[in-house]
Protein backbone atom coordinates (compact mmCIF):
# COMPACT_ATOMS: atom_id res chain seq x y z
CA UNK A 1 -169.14 55.08 119.50
CA UNK A 2 -167.53 52.59 121.92
CA UNK A 3 -165.22 49.93 120.56
CA UNK A 4 -162.78 47.37 121.84
CA UNK A 5 -160.16 45.04 120.49
CA UNK A 6 -159.96 41.37 121.28
CA UNK A 7 -157.38 38.80 120.20
CA UNK A 8 -158.26 37.05 116.96
CA UNK A 9 -158.41 33.28 116.60
CA UNK A 10 -158.51 30.93 113.65
CA UNK A 11 -162.28 30.77 114.19
CA UNK A 12 -162.41 34.38 112.90
CA UNK A 13 -160.77 33.72 109.53
CA UNK A 14 -163.91 33.15 107.45
CA UNK A 15 -165.73 36.19 108.85
CA UNK A 16 -162.66 38.32 108.13
CA UNK A 17 -162.36 36.88 104.61
CA UNK A 18 -165.98 37.89 103.92
CA UNK A 19 -165.42 41.35 105.39
CA UNK A 20 -162.28 41.81 103.29
CA UNK A 21 -164.19 40.89 100.13
CA UNK A 22 -166.94 43.41 100.93
CA UNK A 23 -164.57 46.24 101.87
CA UNK A 24 -162.12 45.82 98.98
CA UNK A 25 -164.62 45.01 96.22
CA UNK A 26 -165.32 48.60 95.03
CA UNK A 27 -161.61 49.43 94.69
CA UNK A 28 -160.67 46.07 93.18
CA UNK A 29 -163.50 46.34 90.63
CA UNK A 30 -162.36 49.89 89.76
CA UNK A 31 -158.81 48.59 89.27
CA UNK A 32 -160.01 45.62 87.20
CA UNK A 33 -158.62 43.19 89.80
CA UNK A 34 -161.67 41.77 91.57
CA UNK A 35 -161.81 37.99 91.83
CA UNK A 36 -164.32 36.80 94.46
CA UNK A 37 -162.36 33.66 95.33
CA UNK A 38 -158.89 35.20 95.24
CA UNK A 39 -159.77 38.14 97.51
CA UNK A 40 -160.91 35.69 100.20
CA UNK A 41 -158.08 33.18 99.69
CA UNK A 42 -155.38 35.85 100.02
CA UNK A 43 -156.79 36.68 103.45
CA UNK A 44 -156.88 33.02 104.47
CA UNK A 45 -153.28 32.56 103.31
CA UNK A 46 -152.02 35.58 105.27
CA UNK A 47 -154.17 35.40 108.41
CA UNK A 48 -152.03 35.10 111.56
CA UNK A 49 -154.13 35.29 114.74
CA UNK A 50 -151.05 35.93 116.91
CA UNK A 51 -150.69 39.38 115.31
CA UNK A 52 -154.37 40.15 114.71
CA UNK A 53 -157.13 41.78 116.73
CA UNK A 54 -160.86 41.78 116.08
CA UNK A 55 -162.62 45.12 116.40
CA UNK A 56 -165.93 44.95 118.25
CA UNK A 57 -168.52 47.70 118.37
CA UNK A 58 -171.39 47.33 120.78
CA UNK A 59 -170.22 43.80 121.55
CA UNK A 60 -170.55 42.69 117.91
CA UNK A 61 -167.74 41.94 115.45
CA UNK A 62 -167.14 44.99 113.28
CA UNK A 63 -163.67 44.61 111.79
CA UNK A 64 -160.09 43.54 112.27
CA UNK A 65 -156.53 44.82 112.18
CA UNK A 66 -153.10 43.20 112.27
CA UNK A 67 -149.60 44.37 113.10
CA UNK A 68 -147.06 41.95 111.68
CA UNK A 69 -143.51 42.36 112.96
CA UNK A 70 -140.75 42.47 110.38
CA UNK A 71 -137.15 43.64 110.46
CA UNK A 72 -137.05 47.18 111.91
CA UNK A 73 -140.76 47.77 111.23
CA UNK A 74 -144.35 46.73 111.82
CA UNK A 75 -146.67 46.00 108.89
CA UNK A 76 -150.22 47.24 109.36
CA UNK A 77 -152.34 44.66 107.56
CA UNK A 78 -155.90 43.39 107.26
CA UNK A 79 -157.40 46.64 108.55
CA UNK A 80 -161.06 46.29 107.64
CA UNK A 81 -164.15 47.86 109.17
CA UNK A 82 -167.76 47.12 108.26
CA UNK A 83 -168.75 49.62 105.54
CA UNK A 84 -171.73 50.96 107.51
CA UNK A 85 -169.39 51.84 110.41
CA UNK A 86 -166.81 53.66 108.29
CA UNK A 87 -166.62 57.43 108.62
CA UNK A 88 -167.64 57.43 112.30
CA UNK A 89 -164.15 57.77 113.79
CA UNK A 90 -163.75 54.13 114.82
CA UNK A 91 -161.00 53.33 112.31
CA UNK A 92 -159.15 56.50 113.22
CA UNK A 93 -159.38 55.69 116.95
CA UNK A 94 -158.15 52.12 116.43
CA UNK A 95 -155.30 53.33 114.22
CA UNK A 96 -154.31 56.02 116.75
CA UNK A 97 -154.10 53.47 119.53
CA UNK A 98 -151.97 51.07 117.46
CA UNK A 99 -149.66 53.88 116.39
CA UNK A 100 -149.24 55.00 120.01
CA UNK A 101 -148.01 51.51 120.85
CA UNK A 102 -145.63 51.52 117.89
CA UNK A 103 -144.32 54.95 118.91
CA UNK A 104 -143.54 53.66 122.39
CA UNK A 105 -141.58 50.81 120.81
CA UNK A 106 -139.88 53.26 118.39
CA UNK A 107 -141.15 51.12 115.50
CA UNK A 108 -141.82 52.43 112.01
CA UNK A 109 -145.10 51.24 110.52
CA UNK A 110 -145.58 50.26 106.89
CA UNK A 111 -148.68 49.39 104.90
CA UNK A 112 -149.99 49.17 101.42
CA UNK A 113 -153.30 50.56 100.23
CA UNK A 114 -154.99 50.17 96.87
CA UNK A 115 -154.51 53.07 94.45
CA UNK A 116 -157.42 55.48 94.65
CA UNK A 117 -158.75 54.02 97.90
CA UNK A 118 -160.33 56.55 100.26
CA UNK A 119 -158.44 54.76 103.09
CA UNK A 120 -155.29 56.52 101.89
CA UNK A 121 -156.60 59.81 103.33
CA UNK A 122 -156.99 58.16 106.75
CA UNK A 123 -153.38 57.01 106.66
CA UNK A 124 -152.12 60.41 105.51
CA UNK A 125 -153.97 62.10 108.38
CA UNK A 126 -152.06 59.81 110.74
CA UNK A 127 -148.66 60.73 109.33
CA UNK A 128 -148.07 58.07 106.67
CA UNK A 129 -146.19 59.12 103.55
CA UNK A 130 -145.75 57.38 100.22
CA UNK A 131 -142.60 55.29 99.81
CA UNK A 132 -143.37 53.71 96.45
CA UNK A 133 -146.33 52.83 94.29
CA UNK A 134 -147.20 50.68 91.33
CA UNK A 135 -150.26 50.31 89.11
CA UNK A 136 -152.28 48.69 91.94
CA UNK A 137 -150.72 49.46 95.33
CA UNK A 138 -149.39 52.48 97.20
CA UNK A 139 -146.79 51.59 99.83
CA UNK A 140 -146.67 53.97 102.78
CA UNK A 141 -144.54 54.40 105.89
CA UNK A 142 -144.85 56.27 109.18
CA UNK A 143 -141.82 56.81 111.38
CA UNK A 144 -142.40 56.75 115.14
CA UNK A 145 -143.15 60.01 116.90
CA UNK A 146 -140.82 61.13 119.67
CA UNK A 147 -142.16 60.41 123.18
CA UNK A 148 -143.09 64.03 123.85
CA UNK A 149 -145.56 63.98 120.96
CA UNK A 150 -147.57 60.90 121.99
CA UNK A 151 -151.26 61.78 122.05
CA UNK A 152 -152.96 61.74 125.42
CA UNK A 153 -155.34 58.87 126.08
CA UNK A 154 -159.03 59.53 125.50
CA UNK A 155 -161.33 60.21 128.38
CA UNK A 156 -162.49 57.10 130.19
CA UNK A 157 -165.55 55.56 128.62
CA UNK A 158 -165.06 56.93 125.13
CA UNK A 159 -163.25 53.84 123.93
CA UNK A 160 -162.12 50.59 125.40
CA UNK A 161 -159.80 47.88 124.30
CA UNK A 162 -158.43 44.59 125.42
CA UNK A 163 -154.78 43.89 124.68
CA UNK A 164 -154.08 40.22 125.19
CA UNK A 165 -151.77 39.22 128.00
CA UNK A 166 -148.72 37.49 126.64
CA UNK A 167 -149.01 39.07 123.19
CA UNK A 168 -145.47 39.57 121.89
CA UNK A 169 -144.03 43.05 122.19
CA UNK A 170 -143.81 44.96 118.98
CA UNK A 171 -140.62 43.93 117.23
CA UNK A 172 -138.04 46.49 116.20
């Protein structure tokens, strides 16, 4: 399934807040942590368009992902995909492309995922390992791969993306 990334803008924040609520609800309910207002407000409070891309499938908004630079690492955040598009390889393809960029910059990537979330398996398949965990979150890290191990780009036409001109390089 073809997909592309486009730069996010503040105009995207409410759509992403709704998507976040839908995607996280099952896990937050299971953990006894679901609050309909809080789940949306936390996204609004942490949404930074300069580090965020919208995922489009078939020309329609389908998700988002952010890479927030921090000291010696990148934080993978706000990675949400419409539930009916999950399990089709889109999230894995997006994640692979982001990790390739981080590998080229020799940047480690960190994230946190909710305990018991099926998303953890996706991250483990892409080389993330557990650093720490608490009663709600599992914090994971992936060190950059050496240059000789970078995956080859997909065949033309199987995926597309738009990386914004002028987007800051990944910080190290």
